[in-house]
């Protein structure tokens, strides 16, 4: 397994707070104000939260498809969580994880693999409703 990214790891372990990686599913539930979104809202208040940059692309697609105010939603994501960029190490790990996960999780895609790789790289628990992550370090909504 890849070594965790030290800067982010040190920043969040100093506070003693549990670290979470919100995926696109979690953000959409939050923005829709659903019961699951209420759980996400509580986690955002209580925990150190992060979002993979790949989720910004998925959120952008959701915003465009639903004709929603882009600036308010994207600004909320950036205000309420720290965005984790993509780097070569994470992307290489994502390719490996996709192949491994596909053996047991049919339909597991590259975006999911990038989110999983990010979570593993930074030692984050994924907040999601995606059943592909049920056997991972995740909080299933």
N, C-alpha and C. Protein backbone atom coordinates (compact mmCIF):
# COMPACT_ATOMS: atom_id res chain seq x y z
N UNK A 1 0.84 -1.17 0.00
CA UNK A 1 0.00 0.00 0.00
C UNK A 1 0.89 1.24 0.00
N UNK A 2 0.41 2.29 -0.64
CA UNK A 2 1.17 3.52 -0.74
C UNK A 2 1.24 4.21 0.62
N UNK A 3 2.29 4.97 0.81
CA UNK A 3 2.46 5.74 2.04
C UNK A 3 1.50 6.93 2.04
N UNK A 4 0.94 7.29 3.21
CA UNK A 4 0.04 8.43 3.27
C UNK A 4 0.79 9.73 3.02
N UNK A 5 0.06 10.70 2.51
CA UNK A 5 0.63 12.03 2.26
C UNK A 5 0.82 12.72 3.61
N UNK A 6 2.03 13.07 3.93
CA UNK A 6 2.36 13.54 5.27
C UNK A 6 1.76 14.90 5.64
N UNK A 7 1.78 15.87 4.75
CA UNK A 7 1.29 17.20 5.10
C UNK A 7 -0.15 17.18 5.59
N UNK A 8 -1.01 16.57 4.83
CA UNK A 8 -2.41 16.50 5.18
C UNK A 8 -2.62 15.63 6.41
N UNK A 9 -1.90 14.54 6.48
CA UNK A 9 -2.02 13.64 7.62
C UNK A 9 -1.65 14.36 8.91
N UNK A 10 -0.54 15.08 8.92
CA UNK A 10 -0.12 15.80 10.11
C UNK A 10 -1.10 16.89 10.48
N UNK A 11 -1.59 17.60 9.50
CA UNK A 11 -2.52 18.70 9.74
C UNK A 11 -3.77 18.22 10.45
N UNK A 12 -4.30 17.07 10.06
CA UNK A 12 -5.56 16.62 10.64
C UNK A 12 -5.37 15.79 11.90
N UNK A 13 -4.24 15.10 12.05
CA UNK A 13 -4.07 14.31 13.27
C UNK A 13 -3.74 15.19 14.45
N UNK A 14 -3.21 16.36 14.22
CA UNK A 14 -2.94 17.28 15.34
C UNK A 14 -4.22 17.67 16.04
N UNK A 15 -5.31 17.81 15.27
CA UNK A 15 -6.58 18.22 15.85
C UNK A 15 -7.28 17.06 16.55
N UNK A 16 -6.84 15.84 16.28
CA UNK A 16 -7.47 14.67 16.88
C UNK A 16 -8.81 14.35 16.27
N UNK A 17 -9.15 15.03 15.20
CA UNK A 17 -10.44 14.82 14.55
C UNK A 17 -10.34 13.70 13.53
N UNK A 18 -11.43 12.99 13.42
CA UNK A 18 -11.55 11.93 12.44
C UNK A 18 -11.57 12.57 11.06
N UNK A 19 -10.91 11.96 10.07
CA UNK A 19 -10.80 12.55 8.74
C UNK A 19 -11.70 11.82 7.75
N UNK A 20 -12.46 12.59 7.00
CA UNK A 20 -13.43 12.02 6.07
C UNK A 20 -13.20 12.53 4.65
N UNK A 21 -13.49 11.68 3.68
CA UNK A 21 -13.47 12.03 2.27
C UNK A 21 -14.89 11.91 1.74
N UNK A 22 -15.50 13.03 1.42
CA UNK A 22 -16.86 13.02 0.89
C UNK A 22 -16.83 12.78 -0.60
N UNK A 23 -17.63 11.82 -1.07
CA UNK A 23 -17.69 11.59 -2.51
C UNK A 23 -18.87 12.37 -3.08
N UNK A 24 -19.06 12.27 -4.37
CA UNK A 24 -20.09 13.03 -5.06
C UNK A 24 -21.48 12.68 -4.53
N UNK A 25 -21.72 11.41 -4.27
CA UNK A 25 -23.00 10.97 -3.73
C UNK A 25 -23.33 11.74 -2.45
N UNK A 26 -22.36 11.84 -1.55
CA UNK A 26 -22.57 12.53 -0.28
C UNK A 26 -22.91 14.01 -0.50
N UNK A 27 -22.18 14.66 -1.40
CA UNK A 27 -22.44 16.08 -1.67
C UNK A 27 -23.82 16.29 -2.28
N UNK A 28 -24.23 15.43 -3.18
CA UNK A 28 -25.55 15.59 -3.80
C UNK A 28 -26.65 15.41 -2.76
N UNK A 29 -26.51 14.44 -1.88
CA UNK A 29 -27.48 14.27 -0.80
C UNK A 29 -27.52 15.52 0.09
N UNK A 30 -26.35 16.06 0.40
CA UNK A 30 -26.25 17.28 1.21
C UNK A 30 -26.99 18.43 0.52
N UNK A 31 -26.71 18.65 -0.77
CA UNK A 31 -27.33 19.76 -1.49
C UNK A 31 -28.83 19.56 -1.69
N UNK A 32 -29.27 18.32 -1.79
CA UNK A 32 -30.70 18.05 -1.95
C UNK A 32 -31.46 18.10 -0.62
N UNK A 33 -30.74 18.20 0.49
CA UNK A 33 -31.38 18.32 1.79
C UNK A 33 -32.13 17.07 2.22
N UNK A 34 -31.67 15.91 1.78
CA UNK A 34 -32.33 14.65 2.14
C UNK A 34 -31.96 14.24 3.57
N UNK A 35 -32.56 13.17 4.02
CA UNK A 35 -32.21 12.62 5.34
C UNK A 35 -30.72 12.25 5.37
N UNK A 36 -30.26 11.61 4.30
CA UNK A 36 -28.83 11.29 4.21
C UNK A 36 -28.00 12.56 4.18
N UNK A 37 -28.50 13.58 3.51
CA UNK A 37 -27.81 14.86 3.46
C UNK A 37 -27.69 15.52 4.82
N UNK A 38 -28.67 15.29 5.68
CA UNK A 38 -28.62 15.81 7.05
C UNK A 38 -27.48 15.15 7.82
N UNK A 39 -27.26 13.86 7.56
CA UNK A 39 -26.12 13.16 8.19
C UNK A 39 -24.80 13.75 7.70
N UNK A 40 -24.73 14.05 6.41
CA UNK A 40 -23.53 14.66 5.84
C UNK A 40 -23.30 16.03 6.47
N UNK A 41 -24.36 16.80 6.61
CA UNK A 41 -24.25 18.14 7.22
C UNK A 41 -23.66 18.05 8.63
N UNK A 42 -24.10 17.06 9.38
CA UNK A 42 -23.59 16.88 10.74
C UNK A 42 -22.11 16.51 10.71
N UNK A 43 -21.74 15.62 9.80
CA UNK A 43 -20.32 15.24 9.68
C UNK A 43 -19.46 16.44 9.30
N UNK A 44 -19.97 17.27 8.43
CA UNK A 44 -19.22 18.47 8.02
C UNK A 44 -18.96 19.40 9.21
N UNK A 45 -19.91 19.44 10.14
CA UNK A 45 -19.76 20.28 11.33
C UNK A 45 -18.77 19.70 12.33
N UNK A 46 -18.72 18.37 12.40
CA UNK A 46 -17.97 17.70 13.46
C UNK A 46 -16.59 17.20 13.07
N UNK A 47 -16.37 16.94 11.80
CA UNK A 47 -15.15 16.25 11.37
C UNK A 47 -14.34 17.07 10.37
N UNK A 48 -13.08 16.71 10.24
CA UNK A 48 -12.24 17.29 9.20
C UNK A 48 -12.62 16.60 7.89
N UNK A 49 -13.11 17.37 6.92
CA UNK A 49 -13.64 16.79 5.69
C UNK A 49 -12.85 17.25 4.47
N UNK A 50 -12.75 16.31 3.53
CA UNK A 50 -11.99 16.53 2.30
C UNK A 50 -12.82 16.05 1.12
N UNK A 51 -12.47 16.53 -0.06
CA UNK A 51 -13.12 16.13 -1.30
C UNK A 51 -12.05 15.94 -2.36
N UNK A 52 -12.13 14.84 -3.09
CA UNK A 52 -11.20 14.61 -4.19
C UNK A 52 -11.55 15.55 -5.34
N UNK A 53 -10.56 16.08 -6.00
CA UNK A 53 -10.78 16.97 -7.13
C UNK A 53 -11.63 16.30 -8.21
N UNK A 54 -11.56 14.98 -8.34
CA UNK A 54 -12.36 14.28 -9.35
C UNK A 54 -13.85 14.45 -9.08
N UNK A 55 -14.22 14.62 -7.82
CA UNK A 55 -15.63 14.83 -7.49
C UNK A 55 -16.14 16.17 -8.00
N UNK A 56 -15.24 17.14 -8.15
CA UNK A 56 -15.66 18.43 -8.68
C UNK A 56 -16.18 18.27 -10.11
N UNK A 57 -15.57 17.39 -10.88
CA UNK A 57 -16.04 17.14 -12.25
C UNK A 57 -17.43 16.50 -12.23
N UNK A 58 -17.61 15.53 -11.34
CA UNK A 58 -18.92 14.88 -11.25
C UNK A 58 -19.99 15.86 -10.76
N UNK A 59 -19.64 16.68 -9.78
CA UNK A 59 -20.59 17.68 -9.29
C UNK A 59 -20.92 18.70 -10.38
N UNK A 60 -19.92 19.08 -11.16
CA UNK A 60 -20.15 20.01 -12.25
C UNK A 60 -21.15 19.43 -13.25
N UNK A 61 -21.02 18.15 -13.54
CA UNK A 61 -21.97 17.48 -14.44
C UNK A 61 -23.37 17.50 -13.86
N UNK A 62 -23.51 17.19 -12.56
CA UNK A 62 -24.80 17.18 -11.88
C UNK A 62 -25.43 18.58 -11.89
N UNK A 63 -24.62 19.59 -11.62
CA UNK A 63 -25.08 20.98 -11.61
C UNK A 63 -25.60 21.36 -13.01
N UNK A 64 -24.83 21.04 -14.02
CA UNK A 64 -25.21 21.38 -15.40
C UNK A 64 -26.48 20.65 -15.81
N UNK A 65 -26.56 19.38 -15.53
CA UNK A 65 -27.72 18.56 -15.91
C UNK A 65 -29.00 19.06 -15.23
N UNK A 66 -28.87 19.57 -14.00
CA UNK A 66 -30.04 19.98 -13.23
C UNK A 66 -30.25 21.49 -13.22
N UNK A 67 -29.45 22.21 -14.00
CA UNK A 67 -29.59 23.67 -14.13
C UNK A 67 -29.60 24.35 -12.75
N UNK A 68 -28.58 24.04 -11.96
CA UNK A 68 -28.44 24.55 -10.60
C UNK A 68 -27.35 25.63 -10.59
N UNK A 69 -27.45 26.56 -9.63
CA UNK A 69 -26.45 27.62 -9.51
C UNK A 69 -25.08 27.03 -9.19
N UNK A 70 -24.20 27.10 -10.16
CA UNK A 70 -22.86 26.51 -10.06
C UNK A 70 -22.03 27.15 -8.95
N UNK A 71 -21.97 28.46 -8.93
CA UNK A 71 -21.08 29.14 -7.98
C UNK A 71 -21.42 28.80 -6.53
N UNK A 72 -22.69 28.80 -6.18
CA UNK A 72 -23.05 28.54 -4.78
C UNK A 72 -22.66 27.13 -4.35
N UNK A 73 -22.89 26.16 -5.23
CA UNK A 73 -22.58 24.77 -4.87
C UNK A 73 -21.07 24.53 -4.81
N UNK A 74 -20.35 24.98 -5.82
CA UNK A 74 -18.90 24.78 -5.83
C UNK A 74 -18.22 25.53 -4.69
N UNK A 75 -18.69 26.74 -4.42
CA UNK A 75 -18.12 27.50 -3.30
C UNK A 75 -18.39 26.80 -1.97
N UNK A 76 -19.56 26.19 -1.83
CA UNK A 76 -19.88 25.46 -0.60
C UNK A 76 -18.93 24.29 -0.41
N UNK A 77 -18.67 23.55 -1.47
CA UNK A 77 -17.75 22.40 -1.38
C UNK A 77 -16.37 22.89 -0.94
N UNK A 78 -15.90 23.98 -1.54
CA UNK A 78 -14.58 24.50 -1.22
C UNK A 78 -14.51 25.11 0.18
N UNK A 79 -15.62 25.66 0.65
CA UNK A 79 -15.65 26.26 1.99
C UNK A 79 -15.75 25.19 3.09
N UNK A 80 -16.54 24.15 2.83
CA UNK A 80 -16.82 23.15 3.85
C UNK A 80 -15.84 21.99 3.88
N UNK A 81 -15.01 21.87 2.83
CA UNK A 81 -14.03 20.79 2.79
C UNK A 81 -12.76 21.28 2.12
N UNK A 82 -11.70 20.54 2.32
CA UNK A 82 -10.45 20.82 1.63
C UNK A 82 -10.39 19.94 0.38
N UNK A 83 -10.02 20.53 -0.74
CA UNK A 83 -9.95 19.80 -2.00
C UNK A 83 -8.58 19.14 -2.11
N UNK A 84 -8.58 17.86 -2.42
CA UNK A 84 -7.34 17.12 -2.61
C UNK A 84 -7.13 16.93 -4.11
N UNK A 85 -6.05 17.47 -4.62
CA UNK A 85 -5.73 17.35 -6.03
C UNK A 85 -5.28 15.95 -6.40
N UNK A 86 -5.23 15.72 -7.70
CA UNK A 86 -4.79 14.42 -8.20
C UNK A 86 -3.31 14.49 -8.52
N UNK A 87 -2.59 13.44 -8.17
CA UNK A 87 -1.16 13.39 -8.50
C UNK A 87 -0.85 12.02 -9.10
N UNK A 88 0.34 11.89 -9.62
CA UNK A 88 0.72 10.67 -10.32
C UNK A 88 0.61 9.44 -9.43
N UNK A 89 1.07 9.52 -8.20
CA UNK A 89 1.04 8.38 -7.30
C UNK A 89 -0.40 7.90 -7.04
N UNK A 90 -1.29 8.84 -6.81
CA UNK A 90 -2.69 8.48 -6.57
C UNK A 90 -3.32 7.86 -7.81
N UNK A 91 -3.03 8.43 -8.97
CA UNK A 91 -3.60 7.93 -10.21
C UNK A 91 -3.08 6.53 -10.56
N UNK A 92 -1.80 6.29 -10.31
CA UNK A 92 -1.26 4.95 -10.55
C UNK A 92 -1.90 3.94 -9.61
N UNK A 93 -2.06 4.31 -8.35
CA UNK A 93 -2.72 3.43 -7.39
C UNK A 93 -4.16 3.17 -7.81
N UNK A 94 -4.83 4.17 -8.36
CA UNK A 94 -6.22 4.01 -8.80
C UNK A 94 -6.33 2.92 -9.87
N UNK A 95 -5.39 2.89 -10.79
CA UNK A 95 -5.40 1.85 -11.82
C UNK A 95 -5.29 0.46 -11.24
N UNK A 96 -4.42 0.32 -10.26
CA UNK A 96 -4.24 -0.97 -9.58
C UNK A 96 -5.50 -1.36 -8.82
N UNK A 97 -6.06 -0.40 -8.08
CA UNK A 97 -7.25 -0.69 -7.27
C UNK A 97 -8.46 -1.03 -8.13
N UNK A 98 -8.59 -0.38 -9.28
CA UNK A 98 -9.72 -0.69 -10.16
C UNK A 98 -9.69 -2.15 -10.58
N UNK A 99 -8.53 -2.63 -10.99
CA UNK A 99 -8.39 -4.03 -11.40
C UNK A 99 -8.72 -4.96 -10.24
N UNK A 100 -8.20 -4.67 -9.05
CA UNK A 100 -8.45 -5.52 -7.88
C UNK A 100 -9.92 -5.52 -7.48
N UNK A 101 -10.54 -4.33 -7.44
CA UNK A 101 -11.94 -4.23 -7.01
C UNK A 101 -12.89 -4.88 -8.01
N UNK A 102 -12.57 -4.82 -9.29
CA UNK A 102 -13.43 -5.39 -10.32
C UNK A 102 -13.58 -6.90 -10.16
N UNK A 103 -12.65 -7.53 -9.44
CA UNK A 103 -12.74 -8.98 -9.21
C UNK A 103 -13.92 -9.31 -8.31
N UNK A 104 -14.30 -8.37 -7.43
CA UNK A 104 -15.38 -8.62 -6.48
C UNK A 104 -16.53 -7.62 -6.59
N UNK A 105 -16.32 -6.52 -7.26
CA UNK A 105 -17.34 -5.47 -7.35
C UNK A 105 -17.57 -5.10 -8.82
N UNK A 106 -18.50 -5.80 -9.43
CA UNK A 106 -18.81 -5.55 -10.85
C UNK A 106 -19.26 -4.11 -11.03
N UNK A 107 -18.74 -3.48 -12.08
CA UNK A 107 -19.13 -2.11 -12.39
C UNK A 107 -18.33 -1.04 -11.66
N UNK A 108 -17.34 -1.46 -10.88
CA UNK A 108 -16.51 -0.48 -10.19
C UNK A 108 -15.69 0.27 -11.24
N UNK A 109 -15.83 1.58 -11.27
CA UNK A 109 -15.21 2.38 -12.33
C UNK A 109 -13.97 3.14 -11.89
N UNK A 110 -13.40 3.85 -12.85
CA UNK A 110 -12.16 4.58 -12.59
C UNK A 110 -12.37 5.74 -11.62
N UNK A 111 -13.49 6.44 -11.70
CA UNK A 111 -13.70 7.54 -10.74
C UNK A 111 -13.77 6.98 -9.32
N UNK A 112 -14.47 5.89 -9.14
CA UNK A 112 -14.50 5.24 -7.82
C UNK A 112 -13.11 4.82 -7.39
N UNK A 113 -12.33 4.32 -8.32
CA UNK A 113 -10.97 3.91 -8.00
C UNK A 113 -10.11 5.10 -7.59
N UNK A 114 -10.30 6.23 -8.23
CA UNK A 114 -9.55 7.44 -7.86
C UNK A 114 -9.95 7.91 -6.47
N UNK A 115 -11.23 7.85 -6.17
CA UNK A 115 -11.69 8.22 -4.82
C UNK A 115 -11.12 7.26 -3.78
N UNK A 116 -11.16 5.97 -4.08
CA UNK A 116 -10.61 4.98 -3.15
C UNK A 116 -9.11 5.18 -2.97
N UNK A 117 -8.39 5.41 -4.06
CA UNK A 117 -6.94 5.64 -3.97
C UNK A 117 -6.64 6.88 -3.13
N UNK A 118 -7.43 7.92 -3.31
CA UNK A 118 -7.24 9.15 -2.52
C UNK A 118 -7.45 8.85 -1.04
N UNK A 119 -8.50 8.11 -0.74
CA UNK A 119 -8.79 7.75 0.66
C UNK A 119 -7.64 6.95 1.26
N UNK A 120 -7.11 6.01 0.51
CA UNK A 120 -6.00 5.20 1.01
C UNK A 120 -4.73 6.03 1.17
N UNK A 121 -4.46 6.89 0.21
CA UNK A 121 -3.25 7.72 0.26
C UNK A 121 -3.25 8.64 1.49
N UNK A 122 -4.42 9.16 1.83
CA UNK A 122 -4.50 10.15 2.92
C UNK A 122 -5.10 9.57 4.20
N UNK A 123 -5.35 8.27 4.21
CA UNK A 123 -5.95 7.60 5.37
C UNK A 123 -7.27 8.26 5.78
N UNK A 124 -8.16 8.37 4.84
CA UNK A 124 -9.46 8.99 5.05
C UNK A 124 -10.57 7.95 4.95
N UNK A 125 -11.62 8.14 5.69
CA UNK A 125 -12.80 7.29 5.60
C UNK A 125 -13.74 7.92 4.58
N UNK A 126 -14.22 7.14 3.63
CA UNK A 126 -15.08 7.65 2.57
C UNK A 126 -16.52 7.76 3.07
N UNK A 127 -17.17 8.89 2.81
CA UNK A 127 -18.58 9.09 3.11
C UNK A 127 -19.31 8.98 1.77
N UNK A 128 -20.20 7.99 1.66
CA UNK A 128 -20.80 7.67 0.37
C UNK A 128 -22.09 6.88 0.54
N UNK A 129 -22.81 6.74 -0.54
CA UNK A 129 -23.93 5.82 -0.59
C UNK A 129 -23.66 4.72 -1.60
N UNK A 130 -22.48 4.76 -2.17
CA UNK A 130 -22.07 3.81 -3.22
C UNK A 130 -21.70 2.47 -2.59
N UNK A 131 -22.48 1.45 -2.91
CA UNK A 131 -22.27 0.12 -2.34
C UNK A 131 -20.94 -0.51 -2.74
N UNK A 132 -20.29 0.02 -3.78
CA UNK A 132 -18.97 -0.50 -4.16
C UNK A 132 -17.94 -0.32 -3.04
N UNK A 133 -18.23 0.60 -2.13
CA UNK A 133 -17.28 0.89 -1.05
C UNK A 133 -17.63 0.19 0.26
N UNK A 134 -18.63 -0.69 0.25
CA UNK A 134 -19.08 -1.29 1.51
C UNK A 134 -18.01 -2.12 2.22
N UNK A 135 -17.06 -2.64 1.50
CA UNK A 135 -15.99 -3.44 2.12
C UNK A 135 -14.73 -2.62 2.35
N UNK A 136 -14.84 -1.32 2.19
CA UNK A 136 -13.70 -0.42 2.38
C UNK A 136 -13.90 0.36 3.67
N UNK A 137 -12.96 1.22 3.96
CA UNK A 137 -13.05 2.11 5.11
C UNK A 137 -14.04 3.22 4.74
N UNK A 138 -15.32 2.96 5.01
CA UNK A 138 -16.35 3.90 4.54
C UNK A 138 -17.50 4.02 5.53
N UNK A 139 -18.17 5.16 5.45
CA UNK A 139 -19.44 5.38 6.13
C UNK A 139 -20.48 5.35 5.03
N UNK A 140 -21.31 4.33 5.01
CA UNK A 140 -22.36 4.23 4.00
C UNK A 140 -23.60 4.96 4.49
N UNK A 141 -24.04 5.88 3.68
CA UNK A 141 -25.25 6.67 4.04
C UNK A 141 -26.51 5.86 3.80
